All heavy atoms as atom14 arrays in JSON, in Angstrom:
{
  "sequence": "LANKRTPVWEESKGKDEKWRTGKIEIFQGAETTNSVTFESERGKGKTG",
  "atom14_mask": [
    [1, 1, 1, 1, 1, 1, 1, 1, 0, 0, 0, 0, 0, 0],
    [1, 1, 1, 1, 1, 0, 0, 0, 0, 0, 0, 0, 0, 0],
    [1, 1, 1, 1, 1, 1, 1, 1, 0, 0, 0, 0, 0, 0],
    [1, 1, 1, 1, 1, 1, 1, 1, 1, 0, 0, 0, 0, 0],
    [1, 1, 1, 1, 1, 1, 1, 1, 1, 1, 1, 0, 0, 0],
    [1, 1, 1, 1, 1, 1, 1, 0, 0, 0, 0, 0, 0, 0],
    [1, 1, 1, 1, 1, 1, 1, 0, 0, 0, 0, 0, 0, 0],
    [1, 1, 1, 1, 1, 1, 1, 0, 0, 0, 0, 0, 0, 0],
    [1, 1, 1, 1, 1, 1, 1, 1, 1, 1, 1, 1, 1, 1],
    [1, 1, 1, 1, 1, 1, 1, 1, 1, 0, 0, 0, 0, 0],
    [1, 1, 1, 1, 1, 1, 1, 1, 1, 0, 0, 0, 0, 0],
    [1, 1, 1, 1, 1, 1, 0, 0, 0, 0, 0, 0, 0, 0],
    [1, 1, 1, 1, 1, 1, 1, 1, 1, 0, 0, 0, 0, 0],
    [1, 1, 1, 1, 0, 0, 0, 0, 0, 0, 0, 0, 0, 0],
    [1, 1, 1, 1, 1, 1, 1, 1, 1, 0, 0, 0, 0, 0],
    [1, 1, 1, 1, 1, 1, 1, 1, 0, 0, 0, 0, 0, 0],
    [1, 1, 1, 1, 1, 1, 1, 1, 1, 0, 0, 0, 0, 0],
    [1, 1, 1, 1, 1, 1, 1, 1, 1, 0, 0, 0, 0, 0],
    [1, 1, 1, 1, 1, 1, 1, 1, 1, 1, 1, 1, 1, 1],
    [1, 1, 1, 1, 1, 1, 1, 1, 1, 1, 1, 0, 0, 0],
    [1, 1, 1, 1, 1, 1, 1, 0, 0, 0, 0, 0, 0, 0],
    [1, 1, 1, 1, 0, 0, 0, 0, 0, 0, 0, 0, 0, 0],
    [1, 1, 1, 1, 1, 1, 1, 1, 1, 0, 0, 0, 0, 0],
    [1, 1, 1, 1, 1, 1, 1, 1, 0, 0, 0, 0, 0, 0],
    [1, 1, 1, 1, 1, 1, 1, 1, 1, 0, 0, 0, 0, 0],
    [1, 1, 1, 1, 1, 1, 1, 1, 0, 0, 0, 0, 0, 0],
    [1, 1, 1, 1, 1, 1, 1, 1, 1, 1, 1, 0, 0, 0],
    [1, 1, 1, 1, 1, 1, 1, 1, 1, 0, 0, 0, 0, 0],
    [1, 1, 1, 1, 0, 0, 0, 0, 0, 0, 0, 0, 0, 0],
    [1, 1, 1, 1, 1, 0, 0, 0, 0, 0, 0, 0, 0, 0],
    [1, 1, 1, 1, 1, 1, 1, 1, 1, 0, 0, 0, 0, 0],
    [1, 1, 1, 1, 1, 1, 1, 0, 0, 0, 0, 0, 0, 0],
    [1, 1, 1, 1, 1, 1, 1, 0, 0, 0, 0, 0, 0, 0],
    [1, 1, 1, 1, 1, 1, 1, 1, 0, 0, 0, 0, 0, 0],
    [1, 1, 1, 1, 1, 1, 0, 0, 0, 0, 0, 0, 0, 0],
    [1, 1, 1, 1, 1, 1, 1, 0, 0, 0, 0, 0, 0, 0],
    [1, 1, 1, 1, 1, 1, 1, 0, 0, 0, 0, 0, 0, 0],
    [1, 1, 1, 1, 1, 1, 1, 1, 1, 1, 1, 0, 0, 0],
    [1, 1, 1, 1, 1, 1, 1, 1, 1, 0, 0, 0, 0, 0],
    [1, 1, 1, 1, 1, 1, 0, 0, 0, 0, 0, 0, 0, 0],
    [1, 1, 1, 1, 1, 1, 1, 1, 1, 0, 0, 0, 0, 0],
    [1, 1, 1, 1, 1, 1, 1, 1, 1, 1, 1, 0, 0, 0],
    [1, 1, 1, 1, 0, 0, 0, 0, 0, 0, 0, 0, 0, 0],
    [1, 1, 1, 1, 1, 1, 1, 1, 1, 0, 0, 0, 0, 0],
    [1, 1, 1, 1, 0, 0, 0, 0, 0, 0, 0, 0, 0, 0],
    [1, 1, 1, 1, 1, 1, 1, 1, 1, 0, 0, 0, 0, 0],
    [1, 1, 1, 1, 1, 1, 1, 0, 0, 0, 0, 0, 0, 0],
    [1, 1, 1, 1, 0, 0, 0, 0, 0, 0, 0, 0, 0, 0]
  ],
  "atom14_positions": [
    [[20.85, 59.95, -49.84], [22.06, 60.37, -49.17], [21.72, 60.98, -47.84], [20.77, 61.77, -47.74], [22.81, 61.41, -50.01], [23.32, 60.9, -51.38], [24.06, 62.03, -52.09], [24.2, 59.69, -51.22], [0.0, 0.0, 0.0], [0.0, 0.0, 0.0], [0.0, 0.0, 0.0], [0.0, 0.0, 0.0], [0.0, 0.0, 0.0], [0.0, 0.0, 0.0]],
    [[22.5, 60.65, -46.81], [22.31, 61.15, -45.45], [20.86, 61.02, -45.05], [20.25, 60.0, -45.27], [22.83, 62.58, -45.33], [0.0, 0.0, 0.0], [0.0, 0.0, 0.0], [0.0, 0.0, 0.0], [0.0, 0.0, 0.0], [0.0, 0.0, 0.0], [0.0, 0.0, 0.0], [0.0, 0.0, 0.0], [0.0, 0.0, 0.0], [0.0, 0.0, 0.0]],
    [[20.27, 62.09, -44.48], [18.88, 61.98, -44.04], [17.93, 62.74, -44.93], [16.9, 63.21, -44.5], [18.77, 62.48, -42.59], [19.56, 61.58, -41.67], [19.55, 60.38, -41.8], [20.28, 62.17, -40.73], [0.0, 0.0, 0.0], [0.0, 0.0, 0.0], [0.0, 0.0, 0.0], [0.0, 0.0, 0.0], [0.0, 0.0, 0.0], [0.0, 0.0, 0.0]],
    [[18.3, 62.9, -46.2], [17.43, 63.63, -47.12], [16.18, 62.82, -47.43], [16.19, 61.59, -47.37], [18.19, 63.88, -48.45], [19.52, 64.6, -48.3], [19.32, 66.1, -48.12], [20.59, 66.88, -48.15], [21.37, 66.82, -46.93], [0.0, 0.0, 0.0], [0.0, 0.0, 0.0], [0.0, 0.0, 0.0], [0.0, 0.0, 0.0], [0.0, 0.0, 0.0]],
    [[15.1, 63.51, -47.74], [13.83, 62.85, -48.01], [13.61, 62.55, -49.48], [12.7, 61.84, -49.84], [12.68, 63.7, -47.49], [12.75, 63.89, -45.98], [11.51, 64.61, -45.47], [11.64, 64.81, -44.04], [11.19, 63.92, -43.13], [10.62, 62.82, -43.52], [11.31, 64.18, -41.84], [0.0, 0.0, 0.0], [0.0, 0.0, 0.0], [0.0, 0.0, 0.0]],
    [[14.42, 63.14, -50.32], [14.28, 62.93, -51.78], [15.39, 62.0, -52.26], [16.54, 62.22, -51.96], [14.43, 64.25, -52.54], [13.77, 65.28, -51.79], [13.8, 64.18, -53.9], [0.0, 0.0, 0.0], [0.0, 0.0, 0.0], [0.0, 0.0, 0.0], [0.0, 0.0, 0.0], [0.0, 0.0, 0.0], [0.0, 0.0, 0.0], [0.0, 0.0, 0.0]],
    [[15.03, 60.94, -53.03], [16.09, 60.04, -53.51], [16.98, 60.73, -54.53], [16.54, 61.58, -55.28], [15.31, 58.9, -54.15], [13.94, 59.43, -54.42], [13.69, 60.53, -53.46], [0.0, 0.0, 0.0], [0.0, 0.0, 0.0], [0.0, 0.0, 0.0], [0.0, 0.0, 0.0], [0.0, 0.0, 0.0], [0.0, 0.0, 0.0], [0.0, 0.0, 0.0]],
    [[18.26, 60.36, -54.55], [19.2, 60.88, -55.55], [19.23, 59.95, -56.76], [19.8, 60.27, -57.8], [20.63, 61.02, -55.0], [20.68, 62.15, -53.98], [21.14, 59.73, -54.4], [0.0, 0.0, 0.0], [0.0, 0.0, 0.0], [0.0, 0.0, 0.0], [0.0, 0.0, 0.0], [0.0, 0.0, 0.0], [0.0, 0.0, 0.0], [0.0, 0.0, 0.0]],
    [[18.61, 58.75, -56.61], [18.61, 57.76, -57.69], [17.39, 56.86, -57.47], [17.05, 56.55, -56.33], [19.9, 56.97, -57.6], [20.13, 55.97, -58.69], [20.85, 56.18, -59.82], [19.66, 54.62, -58.75], [20.84, 55.03, -60.58], [20.16, 54.06, -59.93], [18.91, 53.83, -57.9], [19.87, 52.74, -60.3], [18.63, 52.54, -58.27], [19.12, 52.0, -59.46]],
    [[16.73, 56.47, -58.58], [15.56, 55.61, -58.44], [15.39, 54.8, -59.72], [15.61, 55.29, -60.81], [14.32, 56.45, -58.22], [13.07, 55.62, -58.06], [11.85, 56.45, -57.62], [12.05, 57.57, -57.07], [10.72, 56.0, -57.85], [0.0, 0.0, 0.0], [0.0, 0.0, 0.0], [0.0, 0.0, 0.0], [0.0, 0.0, 0.0], [0.0, 0.0, 0.0]],
    [[15.02, 53.54, -59.57], [14.77, 52.66, -60.72], [13.52, 51.84, -60.39], [13.43, 51.35, -59.28], [15.96, 51.77, -60.96], [15.92, 50.99, -62.26], [15.99, 51.89, -63.49], [17.02, 52.56, -63.7], [15.01, 51.9, -64.24], [0.0, 0.0, 0.0], [0.0, 0.0, 0.0], [0.0, 0.0, 0.0], [0.0, 0.0, 0.0], [0.0, 0.0, 0.0]],
    [[12.58, 51.79, -61.32], [11.36, 51.06, -60.98], [11.12, 49.8, -61.79], [10.28, 48.99, -61.42], [10.16, 51.97, -61.12], [10.09, 52.47, -62.42], [0.0, 0.0, 0.0], [0.0, 0.0, 0.0], [0.0, 0.0, 0.0], [0.0, 0.0, 0.0], [0.0, 0.0, 0.0], [0.0, 0.0, 0.0], [0.0, 0.0, 0.0], [0.0, 0.0, 0.0]],
    [[11.85, 49.59, -62.89], [11.7, 48.27, -63.51], [12.9, 47.95, -64.35], [13.53, 48.83, -64.92], [10.42, 48.16, -64.3], [10.3, 49.1, -65.49], [8.99, 48.79, -66.24], [8.86, 49.51, -67.53], [8.52, 50.89, -67.44], [0.0, 0.0, 0.0], [0.0, 0.0, 0.0], [0.0, 0.0, 0.0], [0.0, 0.0, 0.0], [0.0, 0.0, 0.0]],
    [[13.24, 46.68, -64.37], [14.34, 46.25, -65.19], [13.84, 45.92, -66.59], [12.74, 45.44, -66.75], [0.0, 0.0, 0.0], [0.0, 0.0, 0.0], [0.0, 0.0, 0.0], [0.0, 0.0, 0.0], [0.0, 0.0, 0.0], [0.0, 0.0, 0.0], [0.0, 0.0, 0.0], [0.0, 0.0, 0.0], [0.0, 0.0, 0.0], [0.0, 0.0, 0.0]],
    [[14.69, 46.18, -67.59], [14.32, 45.79, -68.97], [14.38, 44.28, -69.08], [13.67, 43.68, -69.85], [15.3, 46.41, -69.97], [15.34, 47.93, -69.93], [16.37, 48.43, -70.96], [16.53, 49.93, -70.88], [17.3, 50.34, -69.69], [0.0, 0.0, 0.0], [0.0, 0.0, 0.0], [0.0, 0.0, 0.0], [0.0, 0.0, 0.0], [0.0, 0.0, 0.0]],
    [[15.24, 43.68, -68.29], [15.37, 42.23, -68.28], [15.87, 41.87, -66.89], [15.84, 42.69, -66.01], [16.34, 41.79, -69.39], [17.61, 42.61, -69.35], [18.09, 42.92, -68.24], [18.14, 42.94, -70.42], [0.0, 0.0, 0.0], [0.0, 0.0, 0.0], [0.0, 0.0, 0.0], [0.0, 0.0, 0.0], [0.0, 0.0, 0.0], [0.0, 0.0, 0.0]],
    [[16.37, 40.66, -66.72], [16.83, 40.27, -65.38], [18.33, 40.48, -65.18], [18.89, 39.96, -64.23], [16.41, 38.83, -65.09], [14.94, 38.62, -65.39], [14.26, 37.64, -64.46], [14.95, 36.83, -63.83], [13.03, 37.71, -64.33], [0.0, 0.0, 0.0], [0.0, 0.0, 0.0], [0.0, 0.0, 0.0], [0.0, 0.0, 0.0], [0.0, 0.0, 0.0]],
    [[18.96, 41.2, -66.11], [20.41, 41.39, -66.03], [20.79, 42.39, -64.96], [20.03, 43.3, -64.62], [20.93, 41.93, -67.37], [20.92, 40.91, -68.49], [21.79, 41.38, -69.65], [21.79, 40.39, -70.77], [21.07, 40.86, -71.95], [0.0, 0.0, 0.0], [0.0, 0.0, 0.0], [0.0, 0.0, 0.0], [0.0, 0.0, 0.0], [0.0, 0.0, 0.0]],
    [[22.03, 42.26, -64.49], [22.61, 43.22, -63.58], [23.01, 44.47, -64.35], [23.49, 44.38, -65.44], [23.82, 42.62, -62.86], [23.44, 41.61, -61.83], [23.3, 40.27, -62.02], [23.16, 41.89, -60.47], [22.94, 39.69, -60.83], [22.84, 40.64, -59.85], [23.14, 43.04, -59.69], [22.49, 40.53, -58.51], [22.78, 42.93, -58.35], [22.49, 41.69, -57.79]],
    [[22.78, 45.63, -63.76], [23.16, 46.9, -64.35], [24.04, 47.65, -63.38], [24.11, 47.28, -62.2], [21.91, 47.76, -64.64], [20.87, 47.03, -65.42], [20.55, 47.8, -66.7], [19.57, 47.08, -67.49], [19.88, 46.34, -68.56], [21.1, 46.22, -68.94], [18.94, 45.73, -69.22], [0.0, 0.0, 0.0], [0.0, 0.0, 0.0], [0.0, 0.0, 0.0]],
    [[24.66, 48.75, -63.84], [25.52, 49.55, -62.96], [24.86, 50.88, -62.67], [24.4, 51.55, -63.6], [26.87, 49.77, -63.63], [27.46, 48.49, -63.88], [27.8, 50.58, -62.72], [0.0, 0.0, 0.0], [0.0, 0.0, 0.0], [0.0, 0.0, 0.0], [0.0, 0.0, 0.0], [0.0, 0.0, 0.0], [0.0, 0.0, 0.0], [0.0, 0.0, 0.0]],
    [[24.8, 51.25, -61.42], [24.32, 52.57, -61.01], [25.5, 53.39, -60.52], [26.46, 52.84, -59.95], [0.0, 0.0, 0.0], [0.0, 0.0, 0.0], [0.0, 0.0, 0.0], [0.0, 0.0, 0.0], [0.0, 0.0, 0.0], [0.0, 0.0, 0.0], [0.0, 0.0, 0.0], [0.0, 0.0, 0.0], [0.0, 0.0, 0.0], [0.0, 0.0, 0.0]],
    [[25.43, 54.7, -60.77], [26.49, 55.62, -60.29], [25.85, 56.84, -59.72], [24.9, 57.37, -60.25], [27.35, 56.09, -61.48], [28.19, 55.05, -62.09], [29.03, 55.68, -63.17], [29.65, 54.64, -64.08], [30.29, 55.25, -65.26], [0.0, 0.0, 0.0], [0.0, 0.0, 0.0], [0.0, 0.0, 0.0], [0.0, 0.0, 0.0], [0.0, 0.0, 0.0]],
    [[26.39, 57.27, -58.59], [25.86, 58.47, -57.9], [27.03, 59.31, -57.48], [27.97, 58.82, -56.84], [25.02, 58.08, -56.68], [23.8, 57.28, -57.09], [24.62, 59.33, -55.91], [23.14, 56.6, -55.96], [0.0, 0.0, 0.0], [0.0, 0.0, 0.0], [0.0, 0.0, 0.0], [0.0, 0.0, 0.0], [0.0, 0.0, 0.0], [0.0, 0.0, 0.0]],
    [[26.98, 60.6, -57.85], [28.03, 61.5, -57.38], [27.62, 62.11, -56.04], [26.49, 62.54, -55.84], [28.31, 62.59, -58.43], [29.01, 61.91, -59.61], [29.52, 62.83, -60.67], [28.94, 63.91, -60.88], [30.53, 62.46, -61.3], [0.0, 0.0, 0.0], [0.0, 0.0, 0.0], [0.0, 0.0, 0.0], [0.0, 0.0, 0.0], [0.0, 0.0, 0.0]],
    [[28.53, 62.06, -55.1], [28.3, 62.61, -53.78], [29.21, 63.82, -53.63], [30.43, 63.7, -53.62], [28.64, 61.57, -52.69], [27.8, 60.31, -52.87], [28.46, 62.16, -51.31], [28.16, 59.17, -51.94], [0.0, 0.0, 0.0], [0.0, 0.0, 0.0], [0.0, 0.0, 0.0], [0.0, 0.0, 0.0], [0.0, 0.0, 0.0], [0.0, 0.0, 0.0]],
    [[28.6, 65.0, -53.58], [29.37, 66.23, -53.41], [29.3, 66.65, -51.96], [28.22, 66.89, -51.46], [28.83, 67.35, -54.31], [28.9, 67.02, -55.79], [27.76, 66.66, -56.45], [30.09, 67.07, -56.46], [27.82, 66.34, -57.81], [30.18, 66.76, -57.81], [29.04, 66.39, -58.49], [0.0, 0.0, 0.0], [0.0, 0.0, 0.0], [0.0, 0.0, 0.0]],
    [[30.45, 66.7, -51.33], [30.46, 67.09, -49.93], [30.52, 68.61, -49.85], [31.37, 69.23, -50.49], [31.68, 66.51, -49.21], [31.76, 65.01, -49.3], [30.77, 64.34, -48.39], [29.63, 64.71, -48.31], [31.21, 63.33, -47.68], [0.0, 0.0, 0.0], [0.0, 0.0, 0.0], [0.0, 0.0, 0.0], [0.0, 0.0, 0.0], [0.0, 0.0, 0.0]],
    [[29.62, 69.17, -49.06], [29.63, 70.63, -48.89], [29.82, 70.96, -47.44], [30.68, 70.4, -46.77], [0.0, 0.0, 0.0], [0.0, 0.0, 0.0], [0.0, 0.0, 0.0], [0.0, 0.0, 0.0], [0.0, 0.0, 0.0], [0.0, 0.0, 0.0], [0.0, 0.0, 0.0], [0.0, 0.0, 0.0], [0.0, 0.0, 0.0], [0.0, 0.0, 0.0]],
    [[29.0, 71.86, -46.95], [29.06, 72.27, -45.55], [28.81, 71.07, -44.62], [29.45, 70.9, -43.6], [28.06, 73.35, -45.26], [0.0, 0.0, 0.0], [0.0, 0.0, 0.0], [0.0, 0.0, 0.0], [0.0, 0.0, 0.0], [0.0, 0.0, 0.0], [0.0, 0.0, 0.0], [0.0, 0.0, 0.0], [0.0, 0.0, 0.0], [0.0, 0.0, 0.0]],
    [[27.86, 70.2, -45.05], [27.61, 69.02, -44.24], [28.12, 67.78, -44.96], [28.07, 67.69, -46.17], [26.09, 68.87, -43.98], [25.26, 68.84, -45.22], [23.77, 68.82, -44.91], [23.27, 67.74, -44.59], [23.15, 69.87, -44.99], [0.0, 0.0, 0.0], [0.0, 0.0, 0.0], [0.0, 0.0, 0.0], [0.0, 0.0, 0.0], [0.0, 0.0, 0.0]],
    [[28.68, 66.89, -44.19], [29.24, 65.69, -44.76], [28.17, 64.62, -44.87], [27.37, 64.43, -43.96], [30.38, 65.16, -43.84], [31.31, 66.18, -43.66], [31.06, 63.97, -44.46], [0.0, 0.0, 0.0], [0.0, 0.0, 0.0], [0.0, 0.0, 0.0], [0.0, 0.0, 0.0], [0.0, 0.0, 0.0], [0.0, 0.0, 0.0], [0.0, 0.0, 0.0]],
    [[28.12, 63.95, -46.03], [27.2, 62.83, -46.19], [27.76, 61.67, -45.39], [28.83, 61.16, -45.73], [27.08, 62.42, -47.66], [26.55, 63.53, -48.37], [26.18, 61.24, -47.84], [0.0, 0.0, 0.0], [0.0, 0.0, 0.0], [0.0, 0.0, 0.0], [0.0, 0.0, 0.0], [0.0, 0.0, 0.0], [0.0, 0.0, 0.0], [0.0, 0.0, 0.0]],
    [[27.07, 61.26, -44.33], [27.61, 60.22, -43.5], [26.91, 58.88, -43.68], [27.24, 57.91, -43.0], [27.57, 60.63, -42.01], [26.13, 60.98, -41.6], [25.21, 60.84, -42.37], [25.99, 61.43, -40.36], [0.0, 0.0, 0.0], [0.0, 0.0, 0.0], [0.0, 0.0, 0.0], [0.0, 0.0, 0.0], [0.0, 0.0, 0.0], [0.0, 0.0, 0.0]],
    [[25.97, 58.82, -44.63], [25.36, 57.53, -44.91], [24.68, 57.55, -46.28], [24.34, 58.59, -46.82], [24.29, 57.21, -43.84], [23.19, 58.05, -43.95], [0.0, 0.0, 0.0], [0.0, 0.0, 0.0], [0.0, 0.0, 0.0], [0.0, 0.0, 0.0], [0.0, 0.0, 0.0], [0.0, 0.0, 0.0], [0.0, 0.0, 0.0], [0.0, 0.0, 0.0]],
    [[24.55, 56.34, -46.83], [23.83, 56.11, -48.07], [22.84, 55.02, -47.77], [23.18, 54.0, -47.19], [24.78, 55.66, -49.2], [23.98, 55.28, -50.45], [25.82, 56.72, -49.52], [0.0, 0.0, 0.0], [0.0, 0.0, 0.0], [0.0, 0.0, 0.0], [0.0, 0.0, 0.0], [0.0, 0.0, 0.0], [0.0, 0.0, 0.0], [0.0, 0.0, 0.0]],
    [[21.57, 55.22, -48.15], [20.53, 54.23, -47.87], [19.97, 53.66, -49.16], [19.57, 54.4, -50.05], [19.38, 54.86, -47.05], [19.92, 55.38, -45.84], [18.31, 53.83, -46.7], [0.0, 0.0, 0.0], [0.0, 0.0, 0.0], [0.0, 0.0, 0.0], [0.0, 0.0, 0.0], [0.0, 0.0, 0.0], [0.0, 0.0, 0.0], [0.0, 0.0, 0.0]],
    [[19.99, 52.34, -49.26], [19.35, 51.63, -50.38], [17.97, 51.23, -49.9], [17.87, 50.49, -48.9], [20.15, 50.39, -50.78], [21.42, 50.72, -51.48], [22.58, 50.97, -50.77], [21.47, 50.81, -52.87], [23.78, 51.28, -51.42], [22.64, 51.11, -53.53], [23.77, 51.38, -52.8], [0.0, 0.0, 0.0], [0.0, 0.0, 0.0], [0.0, 0.0, 0.0]],
    [[16.92, 51.73, -50.55], [15.56, 51.46, -50.11], [14.83, 50.65, -51.19], [14.83, 51.03, -52.35], [14.81, 52.78, -49.87], [13.36, 52.57, -49.45], [12.65, 53.89, -49.33], [12.16, 54.44, -50.33], [12.57, 54.39, -48.18], [0.0, 0.0, 0.0], [0.0, 0.0, 0.0], [0.0, 0.0, 0.0], [0.0, 0.0, 0.0], [0.0, 0.0, 0.0]],
    [[14.26, 49.54, -50.77], [13.45, 48.72, -51.66], [11.98, 48.91, -51.31], [11.59, 48.8, -50.14], [13.85, 47.27, -51.44], [12.91, 46.41, -52.03], [0.0, 0.0, 0.0], [0.0, 0.0, 0.0], [0.0, 0.0, 0.0], [0.0, 0.0, 0.0], [0.0, 0.0, 0.0], [0.0, 0.0, 0.0], [0.0, 0.0, 0.0], [0.0, 0.0, 0.0]],
    [[11.17, 49.27, -52.33], [9.74, 49.35, -52.1], [9.04, 48.23, -52.85], [9.25, 48.04, -54.04], [9.18, 50.69, -52.6], [7.68, 50.8, -52.41], [7.09, 52.1, -52.93], [7.83, 53.1, -53.04], [5.89, 52.11, -53.22], [0.0, 0.0, 0.0], [0.0, 0.0, 0.0], [0.0, 0.0, 0.0], [0.0, 0.0, 0.0], [0.0, 0.0, 0.0]],
    [[8.25, 47.46, -52.14], [7.56, 46.32, -52.74], [6.54, 46.75, -53.78], [5.81, 47.72, -53.55], [6.85, 45.5, -51.67], [7.77, 44.63, -50.84], [8.25, 43.41, -51.57], [7.14, 42.58, -51.9], [6.7, 42.34, -53.15], [7.31, 42.86, -54.19], [5.68, 41.55, -53.36], [0.0, 0.0, 0.0], [0.0, 0.0, 0.0], [0.0, 0.0, 0.0]],
    [[6.49, 46.03, -54.88], [5.48, 46.26, -55.91], [4.37, 45.25, -55.75], [4.21, 44.6, -54.72], [0.0, 0.0, 0.0], [0.0, 0.0, 0.0], [0.0, 0.0, 0.0], [0.0, 0.0, 0.0], [0.0, 0.0, 0.0], [0.0, 0.0, 0.0], [0.0, 0.0, 0.0], [0.0, 0.0, 0.0], [0.0, 0.0, 0.0], [0.0, 0.0, 0.0]],
    [[3.56, 45.11, -56.82], [2.45, 44.17, -56.78], [2.86, 42.74, -57.05], [2.21, 41.8, -56.66], [1.44, 44.53, -57.9], [0.52, 45.63, -57.57], [-0.57, 45.73, -58.66], [-0.92, 47.17, -58.89], [-1.57, 47.41, -60.15], [0.0, 0.0, 0.0], [0.0, 0.0, 0.0], [0.0, 0.0, 0.0], [0.0, 0.0, 0.0], [0.0, 0.0, 0.0]],
    [[4.0, 42.59, -57.76], [4.43, 41.25, -58.16], [4.82, 40.38, -56.98], [5.16, 40.86, -55.91], [0.0, 0.0, 0.0], [0.0, 0.0, 0.0], [0.0, 0.0, 0.0], [0.0, 0.0, 0.0], [0.0, 0.0, 0.0], [0.0, 0.0, 0.0], [0.0, 0.0, 0.0], [0.0, 0.0, 0.0], [0.0, 0.0, 0.0], [0.0, 0.0, 0.0]],
    [[4.79, 39.08, -57.18], [5.13, 38.13, -56.11], [6.36, 37.29, -56.49], [6.75, 36.39, -55.76], [3.97, 37.19, -55.81], [2.79, 37.9, -55.13], [3.1, 38.17, -53.7], [1.94, 38.78, -52.95], [2.38, 39.61, -51.84], [0.0, 0.0, 0.0], [0.0, 0.0, 0.0], [0.0, 0.0, 0.0], [0.0, 0.0, 0.0], [0.0, 0.0, 0.0]],
    [[6.95, 37.54, -57.65], [8.12, 36.77, -58.07], [9.27, 37.71, -58.32], [9.07, 38.94, -58.39], [7.83, 35.99, -59.36], [7.5, 36.92, -60.4], [6.71, 35.0, -59.17], [0.0, 0.0, 0.0], [0.0, 0.0, 0.0], [0.0, 0.0, 0.0], [0.0, 0.0, 0.0], [0.0, 0.0, 0.0], [0.0, 0.0, 0.0], [0.0, 0.0, 0.0]],
    [[10.47, 37.15, -58.51], [11.63, 37.95, -58.78], [12.26, 38.51, -57.52], [11.97, 38.04, -56.42], [0.0, 0.0, 0.0], [0.0, 0.0, 0.0], [0.0, 0.0, 0.0], [0.0, 0.0, 0.0], [0.0, 0.0, 0.0], [0.0, 0.0, 0.0], [0.0, 0.0, 0.0], [0.0, 0.0, 0.0], [0.0, 0.0, 0.0], [0.0, 0.0, 0.0]]
  ]
}
């Protein structure tokens, strides 16, 4: 969320190849969250 350095959500492997649903609560406080970043980090695998 925004420019934070710690992820609010992380997943590192799927149990299978199915689609799942993720949910994140965004609580607005003194500062407004003005962006959400989806970050993909490559693993060792070459397929999928």
